[in-house]
Amino acid sequence: MKSIIITGASRGIGRTTAQHFLDHGWRVGLIARDADGLAHLAHANAVLLPCDVTDEAQVNGAFARFGHLDVLFNNAGMFGPQATIDEIALADWQQVIDVNLTGMFLCARAAFRQMRHQTPQGGRIINNGSISAHSPREGSTCYTTTKHGVSGLTKTLTLDGRAFGIAAGQIDIGNARTDLVRDLEVERAAQGLEPLPTMAIEDVARAVFAMASLPPEANVQSMMIMATTMPHIGRG
């Protein structure tokens, strides 16, 4: 049975992706702070690992409890304040850095360590980037900065993992129907703007599953999945 750990698994993309892998017979480690949210994914092949991805000891403990690991979907993240940079408090900036970069670093490090020393050696790390790593939206200083950092992390994991059979890739997602996008829709409606083109979260889950299911000799280094008509190509 193949195995995967998914962070941010209590809701949104993480929860839907976890359910998709469970439905396809994988052993799935579920990481999130919300233990009650994880409980909704109770399944014979589900391993509930409630922890805070920004806490080093909790992350290390969760990965140690799970054991052999084929894939990590490094998904946990947050948007932070939607404002211009002069309106962003240092504490808000630091919180987004802690979750989106430090949390992703800690989970990637724990997964890399496990994959390097397990038998058979190797595995795959899939980082959740964002379309903001290529083309940001307004008022996204904290989020966009961290997602560019995720791209750098993914590339260095790719290089450093080659000697140990560890592949790394990144999925950049645009306008899936998550709580984040719904919050943006409320703001747009208040400003009299048109609704955003969106896609189902299930489409993202299928894309992650395709990346995770490749044989060891093949890897998707970078995938962008987005609502078909969202304004990315052709932005001024």
C-alpha atoms as a PDB file:
ATOM      1  CA  MET A   1       0.000   0.000   0.000  1.00  0.00           C
ATOM      2  CA  LYS A   2       1.425   3.382  -0.989  1.00  0.00           C
ATOM      3  CA  SER A   3       1.551   6.128   1.610  1.00  0.00           C
ATOM      4  CA  ILE A   4       1.231   9.906   1.675  1.00  0.00           C
ATOM      5  CA  ILE A   5       1.214  12.634   4.317  1.00  0.00           C
ATOM      6  CA  ILE A   6      -0.970  15.654   3.552  1.00  0.00           C
ATOM      7  CA  THR A   7      -0.624  18.854   5.554  1.00  0.00           C
ATOM      8  CA  GLY A   8      -3.484  21.283   5.973  1.00  0.00           C
ATOM      9  CA  ALA A   9      -5.741  18.231   5.697  1.00  0.00           C
ATOM     10  CA  SER A  10      -8.670  19.433   7.791  1.00  0.00           C
ATOM     11  CA  ARG A  11     -10.315  21.540   5.094  1.00  0.00           C
ATOM     12  CA  GLY A  12     -10.199  22.845   1.536  1.00  0.00           C
ATOM     13  CA  ILE A  13      -7.697  21.423  -0.914  1.00  0.00           C
ATOM     14  CA  GLY A  14      -6.005  19.311   1.744  1.00  0.00           C
ATOM     15  CA  ARG A  15      -9.190  17.635   2.910  1.00  0.00           C
ATOM     16  CA  THR A  16     -10.509  16.952  -0.587  1.00  0.00           C
ATOM     17  CA  THR A  17      -7.140  15.609  -1.731  1.00  0.00           C
ATOM     18  CA  ALA A  18      -6.879  13.381   1.335  1.00  0.00           C
ATOM     19  CA  GLN A  19     -10.297  11.913   0.607  1.00  0.00           C
ATOM     20  CA  HIS A  20      -9.271  11.266  -3.011  1.00  0.00           C
ATOM     21  CA  PHE A  21      -6.186   9.311  -1.943  1.00  0.00           C
ATOM     22  CA  LEU A  22      -8.179   7.350   0.656  1.00  0.00           C
ATOM     23  CA  ASP A  23     -10.734   6.465  -2.008  1.00  0.00           C
ATOM     24  CA  HIS A  24      -7.894   5.065  -4.127  1.00  0.00           C
ATOM     25  CA  GLY A  25      -6.536   2.819  -1.381  1.00  0.00           C
ATOM     26  CA  TRP A  26      -3.566   4.827  -0.099  1.00  0.00           C
ATOM     27  CA  ARG A  27      -2.478   5.021   3.528  1.00  0.00           C
ATOM     28  CA  VAL A  28      -2.897   8.734   4.320  1.00  0.00           C
ATOM     29  CA  GLY A  29      -1.324  10.704   7.166  1.00  0.00           C
ATOM     30  CA  LEU A  30      -3.452  13.736   8.000  1.00  0.00           C
ATOM     31  CA  ILE A  31      -1.748  16.800   9.470  1.00  0.00           C
ATOM     32  CA  ALA A  32      -3.569  19.916  10.684  1.00  0.00           C
ATOM     33  CA  ARG A  33      -4.047  21.853  13.908  1.00  0.00           C
ATOM     34  CA  ASP A  34      -7.788  21.169  13.849  1.00  0.00           C
ATOM     35  CA  ALA A  35      -8.094  17.657  15.282  1.00  0.00           C
ATOM     36  CA  ASP A  36     -11.896  17.777  15.012  1.00  0.00           C
ATOM     37  CA  GLY A  37     -11.622  18.629  11.322  1.00  0.00           C
ATOM     38  CA  LEU A  38      -9.352  15.629  10.775  1.00  0.00           C
ATOM     39  CA  ALA A  39     -11.802  13.348  12.553  1.00  0.00           C
ATOM     40  CA  HIS A  40     -14.244  13.816   9.674  1.00  0.00           C
ATOM     41  CA  LEU A  41     -11.782  11.883   7.504  1.00  0.00           C
ATOM     42  CA  ALA A  42     -11.767   8.818   9.768  1.00  0.00           C
ATOM     43  CA  HIS A  43     -10.993   5.746   7.632  1.00  0.00           C
ATOM     44  CA  ALA A  44      -9.188   2.442   8.082  1.00  0.00           C
ATOM     45  CA  ASN A  45      -6.254   3.771   6.069  1.00  0.00           C
ATOM     46  CA  ALA A  46      -6.210   7.250   7.640  1.00  0.00           C
ATOM     47  CA  VAL A  47      -3.646   8.160  10.293  1.00  0.00           C
ATOM     48  CA  LEU A  48      -4.637  11.277  12.224  1.00  0.00           C
ATOM     49  CA  LEU A  49      -1.568  13.368  13.081  1.00  0.00           C
ATOM     50  CA  PRO A  50      -2.865  16.614  14.633  1.00  0.00           C
ATOM     51  CA  CYS A  51      -0.018  19.103  14.925  1.00  0.00           C
ATOM     52  CA  ASP A  52       1.043  22.665  14.217  1.00  0.00           C
ATOM     53  CA  VAL A  53       3.306  22.763  11.144  1.00  0.00           C
ATOM     54  CA  THR A  54       5.216  25.717  12.633  1.00  0.00           C
ATOM     55  CA  ASP A  55       6.250  23.663  15.693  1.00  0.00           C
ATOM     56  CA  GLU A  56       9.449  21.696  15.051  1.00  0.00           C
ATOM     57  CA  ALA A  57       8.912  19.105  17.752  1.00  0.00           C
ATOM     58  CA  GLN A  58       5.306  18.439  16.747  1.00  0.00           C
ATOM     59  CA  VAL A  59       6.225  18.045  13.071  1.00  0.00           C
ATOM     60  CA  ASN A  60       9.103  15.670  13.799  1.00  0.00           C
ATOM     61  CA  GLY A  61       6.886  13.625  16.096  1.00  0.00           C
ATOM     62  CA  ALA A  62       4.104  13.349  13.531  1.00  0.00           C
ATOM     63  CA  PHE A  63       6.406  12.096  10.777  1.00  0.00           C
ATOM     64  CA  ALA A  64       8.113   9.651  13.157  1.00  0.00           C
ATOM     65  CA  ARG A  65       4.723   8.176  14.145  1.00  0.00           C
ATOM     66  CA  PHE A  66       3.701   7.704  10.527  1.00  0.00           C
ATOM     67  CA  GLY A  67       6.759   5.744   9.430  1.00  0.00           C
ATOM     68  CA  HIS A  68       7.468   4.739   5.832  1.00  0.00           C
ATOM     69  CA  LEU A  69       6.541   7.547   3.442  1.00  0.00           C
ATOM     70  CA  ASP A  70       6.170   7.525  -0.331  1.00  0.00           C
ATOM     71  CA  VAL A  71       4.817  11.057  -0.866  1.00  0.00           C
ATOM     72  CA  LEU A  72       4.416  14.329   1.021  1.00  0.00           C
ATOM     73  CA  PHE A  73       1.835  16.827  -0.196  1.00  0.00           C
ATOM     74  CA  ASN A  74       3.123  19.970   1.516  1.00  0.00           C
ATOM     75  CA  ASN A  75      -0.141  21.888   1.390  1.00  0.00           C
ATOM     76  CA  ALA A  76      -0.731  23.882   4.596  1.00  0.00           C
ATOM     77  CA  GLY A  77      -0.816  27.630   4.070  1.00  0.00           C
ATOM     78  CA  MET A  78      -2.596  30.917   4.699  1.00  0.00           C
ATOM     79  CA  PHE A  79      -3.187  34.147   2.793  1.00  0.00           C
ATOM     80  CA  GLY A  80      -2.752  36.800   5.475  1.00  0.00           C
ATOM     81  CA  PRO A  81      -3.911  40.413   5.315  1.00  0.00           C
ATOM     82  CA  GLN A  82      -5.222  41.722   1.989  1.00  0.00           C
ATOM     83  CA  ALA A  83      -3.651  45.166   2.025  1.00  0.00           C
ATOM     84  CA  THR A  84      -0.874  47.291   0.590  1.00  0.00           C
ATOM     85  CA  ILE A  85       2.498  46.827   2.280  1.00  0.00           C
ATOM     86  CA  ASP A  86       2.260  50.022   4.359  1.00  0.00           C
ATOM     87  CA  GLU A  87      -0.882  48.667   6.032  1.00  0.00           C
ATOM     88  CA  ILE A  88       0.600  45.298   7.044  1.00  0.00           C
ATOM     89  CA  ALA A  89       1.684  44.784  10.639  1.00  0.00           C
ATOM     90  CA  LEU A  90       4.958  42.973  11.278  1.00  0.00           C
ATOM     91  CA  ALA A  91       3.112  40.355  13.348  1.00  0.00           C
ATOM     92  CA  ASP A  92       0.820  39.552  10.405  1.00  0.00           C
ATOM     93  CA  TRP A  93       3.790  39.282   8.031  1.00  0.00           C
ATOM     94  CA  GLN A  94       5.587  36.973  10.464  1.00  0.00           C
ATOM     95  CA  GLN A  95       2.561  34.706  10.850  1.00  0.00           C
ATOM     96  CA  VAL A  96       2.336  34.114   7.104  1.00  0.00           C
ATOM     97  CA  ILE A  97       6.091  33.486   6.908  1.00  0.00           C
ATOM     98  CA  ASP A  98       5.836  31.019   9.798  1.00  0.00           C
ATOM     99  CA  VAL A  99       3.059  28.974   8.191  1.00  0.00           C
ATOM    100  CA  ASN A 100       3.843  29.219   4.478  1.00  0.00           C
ATOM    101  CA  LEU A 101       7.639  28.994   4.602  1.00  0.00           C
ATOM    102  CA  THR A 102       8.822  27.745   7.991  1.00  0.00           C
ATOM    103  CA  GLY A 103       6.010  25.201   8.167  1.00  0.00           C
ATOM    104  CA  MET A 104       6.732  23.987   4.658  1.00  0.00           C
ATOM    105  CA  PHE A 105      10.457  23.805   5.430  1.00  0.00           C
ATOM    106  CA  LEU A 106       9.877  21.769   8.598  1.00  0.00           C
ATOM    107  CA  CYS A 107       7.590  19.283   6.856  1.00  0.00           C
ATOM    108  CA  ALA A 108       9.846  18.964   3.807  1.00  0.00           C
ATOM    109  CA  ARG A 109      12.833  18.428   6.100  1.00  0.00           C
ATOM    110  CA  ALA A 110      11.049  15.709   8.083  1.00  0.00           C
ATOM    111  CA  ALA A 111       9.888  13.994   4.889  1.00  0.00           C
ATOM    112  CA  PHE A 112      13.330  14.227   3.267  1.00  0.00           C
ATOM    113  CA  ARG A 113      14.936  12.717   6.373  1.00  0.00           C
ATOM    114  CA  GLN A 114      12.445   9.840   6.419  1.00  0.00           C
ATOM    115  CA  MET A 115      12.774   9.156   2.685  1.00  0.00           C
ATOM    116  CA  ARG A 116      16.573   9.296   2.785  1.00  0.00           C
ATOM    117  CA  HIS A 117      16.940   6.736   5.561  1.00  0.00           C
ATOM    118  CA  GLN A 118      14.040   4.353   4.878  1.00  0.00           C
ATOM    119  CA  THR A 119      14.216   1.095   2.953  1.00  0.00           C
ATOM    120  CA  PRO A 120      13.690   1.235   0.049  1.00  0.00           C
ATOM    121  CA  GLN A 121      15.180   4.699  -0.102  1.00  0.00           C
ATOM    122  CA  GLY A 122      13.405   7.566  -1.839  1.00  0.00           C
ATOM    123  CA  GLY A 123      10.042   9.227  -2.273  1.00  0.00           C
ATOM    124  CA  ARG A 124       8.350  12.322  -3.630  1.00  0.00           C
ATOM    125  CA  ILE A 125       7.654  15.788  -2.183  1.00  0.00           C
ATOM    126  CA  ILE A 126       4.924  17.885  -3.781  1.00  0.00           C
ATOM    127  CA  ASN A 127       4.798  21.497  -2.614  1.00  0.00           C
ATOM    128  CA  ASN A 128       1.644  23.573  -2.974  1.00  0.00           C
ATOM    129  CA  GLY A 129       2.761  26.822  -4.561  1.00  0.00           C
ATOM    130  CA  SER A 130       0.290  29.201  -6.157  1.00  0.00           C
ATOM    131  CA  ILE A 131      -0.378  31.046  -9.353  1.00  0.00           C
ATOM    132  CA  SER A 132       0.862  33.986  -7.232  1.00  0.00           C
ATOM    133  CA  ALA A 133       4.357  32.528  -7.600  1.00  0.00           C
ATOM    134  CA  HIS A 134       4.066  33.675 -11.234  1.00  0.00           C
ATOM    135  CA  SER A 135       1.513  36.497 -11.295  1.00  0.00           C
ATOM    136  CA  PRO A 136       0.247  38.012  -8.015  1.00  0.00           C
ATOM    137  CA  ARG A 137      -3.087  39.561  -7.275  1.00  0.00           C
ATOM    138  CA  GLU A 138      -3.413  42.962  -5.606  1.00  0.00           C
ATOM    139  CA  GLY A 139      -2.922  43.201  -1.854  1.00  0.00           C
ATOM    140  CA  SER A 140      -1.004  39.933  -1.533  1.00  0.00           C
ATOM    141  CA  THR A 141       2.441  41.021  -0.300  1.00  0.00           C
ATOM    142  CA  CYS A 142       2.759  38.365   2.398  1.00  0.00           C
ATOM    143  CA  TYR A 143       1.259  35.476   0.443  1.00  0.00           C
ATOM    144  CA  THR A 144       3.017  36.185  -2.854  1.00  0.00           C
ATOM    145  CA  THR A 145       6.419  36.607  -1.218  1.00  0.00           C
ATOM    146  CA  THR A 146       6.149  33.246   0.515  1.00  0.00           C
ATOM    147  CA  LYS A 147       5.000  31.470  -2.629  1.00  0.00           C
ATOM    148  CA  HIS A 148       8.086  32.681  -4.478  1.00  0.00           C
ATOM    149  CA  GLY A 149      10.046  31.198  -1.586  1.00  0.00           C
ATOM    150  CA  VAL A 150       8.237  27.886  -2.053  1.00  0.00           C
ATOM    151  CA  SER A 151       9.470  27.788  -5.661  1.00  0.00           C
ATOM    152  CA  GLY A 152      13.047  28.151  -4.439  1.00  0.00           C
ATOM    153  CA  LEU A 153      12.534  25.406  -1.871  1.00  0.00           C
ATOM    154  CA  THR A 154      11.119  23.063  -4.503  1.00  0.00           C
ATOM    155  CA  LYS A 155      14.059  23.563  -6.844  1.00  0.00           C
ATOM    156  CA  THR A 156      16.658  22.961  -4.147  1.00  0.00           C
ATOM    157  CA  LEU A 157      14.822  19.845  -2.962  1.00  0.00           C
ATOM    158  CA  THR A 158      14.943  18.607  -6.551  1.00  0.00           C
ATOM    159  CA  LEU A 159      18.707  19.040  -6.677  1.00  0.00           C
ATOM    160  CA  ASP A 160      19.501  17.725  -3.218  1.00  0.00           C
ATOM    161  CA  GLY A 161      17.099  14.798  -3.512  1.00  0.00           C
ATOM    162  CA  ARG A 162      18.595  13.264  -6.645  1.00  0.00           C
ATOM    163  CA  ALA A 163      21.293  11.385  -4.758  1.00  0.00           C
ATOM    164  CA  PHE A 164      18.673   9.717  -2.558  1.00  0.00           C
ATOM    165  CA  GLY A 165      15.894   8.941  -5.026  1.00  0.00           C
ATOM    166  CA  ILE A 166      13.768  11.828  -3.746  1.00  0.00           C
ATOM    167  CA  ALA A 167      11.802  13.720  -6.409  1.00  0.00           C
ATOM    168  CA  ALA A 168      10.293  17.153  -5.795  1.00  0.00           C
ATOM    169  CA  GLY A 169       7.652  19.070  -7.704  1.00  0.00           C
ATOM    170  CA  GLN A 170       5.320  22.013  -7.284  1.00  0.00           C
ATOM    171  CA  ILE A 171       1.664  22.493  -8.112  1.00  0.00           C
ATOM    172  CA  ASP A 172       0.560  26.088  -8.649  1.00  0.00           C
ATOM    173  CA  ILE A 173      -3.177  26.476  -8.201  1.00  0.00           C
ATOM    174  CA  GLY A 174      -5.393  29.280  -9.421  1.00  0.00           C
ATOM    175  CA  ASN A 175      -8.956  29.918  -8.201  1.00  0.00           C
ATOM    176  CA  ALA A 176     -10.148  26.621  -6.817  1.00  0.00           C
ATOM    177  CA  ARG A 177     -13.373  27.056  -4.856  1.00  0.00           C
ATOM    178  CA  THR A 178     -11.771  27.238  -1.405  1.00  0.00           C
ATOM    179  CA  ASP A 179     -12.634  29.405   1.597  1.00  0.00           C
ATOM    180  CA  LEU A 180      -9.894  31.810   0.469  1.00  0.00           C
ATOM    181  CA  VAL A 181     -11.454  32.318  -2.947  1.00  0.00           C
ATOM    182  CA  ARG A 182     -14.918  32.623  -1.423  1.00  0.00           C
ATOM    183  CA  ASP A 183     -13.612  35.381   0.873  1.00  0.00           C
ATOM    184  CA  LEU A 184     -12.162  37.173  -2.150  1.00  0.00           C
ATOM    185  CA  GLU A 185     -15.520  36.848  -3.899  1.00  0.00           C
ATOM    186  CA  VAL A 186     -17.261  38.585  -1.013  1.00  0.00           C
ATOM    187  CA  GLU A 187     -14.810  41.484  -1.267  1.00  0.00           C
ATOM    188  CA  ARG A 188     -15.220  41.688  -5.036  1.00  0.00           C
ATOM    189  CA  ALA A 189     -18.998  41.711  -4.737  1.00  0.00           C
ATOM    190  CA  ALA A 190     -18.800  44.549  -2.211  1.00  0.00           C
ATOM    191  CA  GLN A 191     -16.745  46.518  -4.753  1.00  0.00           C
ATOM    192  CA  GLY A 192     -19.210  45.799  -7.561  1.00  0.00           C
ATOM    193  CA  LEU A 193     -16.732  43.572  -9.426  1.00  0.00           C
ATOM    194  CA  GLU A 194     -17.561  40.531 -11.545  1.00  0.00           C
ATOM    195  CA  PRO A 195     -17.284  37.054  -9.960  1.00  0.00           C
ATOM    196  CA  LEU A 196     -13.983  35.224 -10.399  1.00  0.00           C
ATOM    197  CA  PRO A 197     -13.778  32.228 -12.741  1.00  0.00           C
ATOM    198  CA  THR A 198     -13.286  29.200 -10.479  1.00  0.00           C
ATOM    199  CA  MET A 199     -12.849  25.428 -10.643  1.00  0.00           C
ATOM    200  CA  ALA A 200     -13.788  22.565  -8.331  1.00  0.00           C
ATOM    201  CA  ILE A 201     -11.342  21.505  -5.613  1.00  0.00           C
ATOM    202  CA  GLU A 202     -11.750  17.934  -6.869  1.00  0.00           C
ATOM    203  CA  ASP A 203      -9.924  18.957 -10.058  1.00  0.00           C
ATOM    204  CA  VAL A 204      -6.908  19.925  -7.946  1.00  0.00           C
ATOM    205  CA  ALA A 205      -7.068  16.628  -6.037  1.00  0.00           C
ATOM    206  CA  ARG A 206      -6.951  14.689  -9.291  1.00  0.00           C
ATOM    207  CA  ALA A 207      -3.924  16.685 -10.441  1.00  0.00           C
ATOM    208  CA  VAL A 208      -2.044  16.021  -7.191  1.00  0.00           C
ATOM    209  CA  PHE A 209      -2.931  12.335  -7.466  1.00  0.00           C
ATOM    210  CA  ALA A 210      -1.522  12.215 -10.999  1.00  0.00           C
ATOM    211  CA  MET A 211       1.759  13.757  -9.817  1.00  0.00           C
ATOM    212  CA  ALA A 212       1.983  11.404  -6.845  1.00  0.00           C
ATOM    213  CA  SER A 213       1.226   8.280  -8.858  1.00  0.00           C
ATOM    214  CA  LEU A 214       4.131   8.545 -11.302  1.00  0.00           C
ATOM    215  CA  PRO A 215       6.858   5.884 -11.204  1.00  0.00           C
ATOM    216  CA  PRO A 216      10.165   6.860  -9.537  1.00  0.00           C
ATOM    217  CA  GLU A 217      11.882   7.570 -12.875  1.00  0.00           C
ATOM    218  CA  ALA A 218       9.322  10.259 -13.838  1.00  0.00           C
ATOM    219  CA  ASN A 219       8.516  13.564 -12.153  1.00  0.00           C
ATOM    220  CA  VAL A 220       6.319  16.592 -12.741  1.00  0.00           C
ATOM    221  CA  GLN A 221       8.650  19.412 -11.750  1.00  0.00           C
ATOM    222  CA  SER A 222       6.034  22.114 -12.104  1.00  0.00           C
ATOM    223  CA  MET A 223       2.312  22.024 -12.825  1.00  0.00           C
ATOM    224  CA  MET A 224      -0.108  24.943 -13.051  1.00  0.00           C
ATOM    225  CA  ILE A 225      -3.797  24.171 -12.762  1.00  0.00           C
ATOM    226  CA  MET A 226      -6.308  26.988 -12.883  1.00  0.00           C
ATOM    227  CA  ALA A 227      -9.836  27.919 -13.831  1.00  0.00           C
ATOM    228  CA  THR A 228      -9.878  27.920 -17.630  1.00  0.00           C
ATOM    229  CA  THR A 229     -10.923  31.540 -18.101  1.00  0.00           C
ATOM    230  CA  MET A 230      -9.164  33.187 -15.177  1.00  0.00           C
ATOM    231  CA  PRO A 231      -6.978  36.155 -16.195  1.00  0.00           C
ATOM    232  CA  HIS A 232      -3.419  34.874 -16.010  1.00  0.00           C
ATOM    233  CA  ILE A 233      -2.200  34.655 -19.592  1.00  0.00           C
ATOM    234  CA  GLY A 234      -2.328  38.119 -21.101  1.00  0.00           C
ATOM    235  CA  ARG A 235      -2.174  40.144 -17.892  1.00  0.00           C
ATOM    236  CA  GLY A 236      -0.668  43.561 -18.433  1.00  0.00           C
END
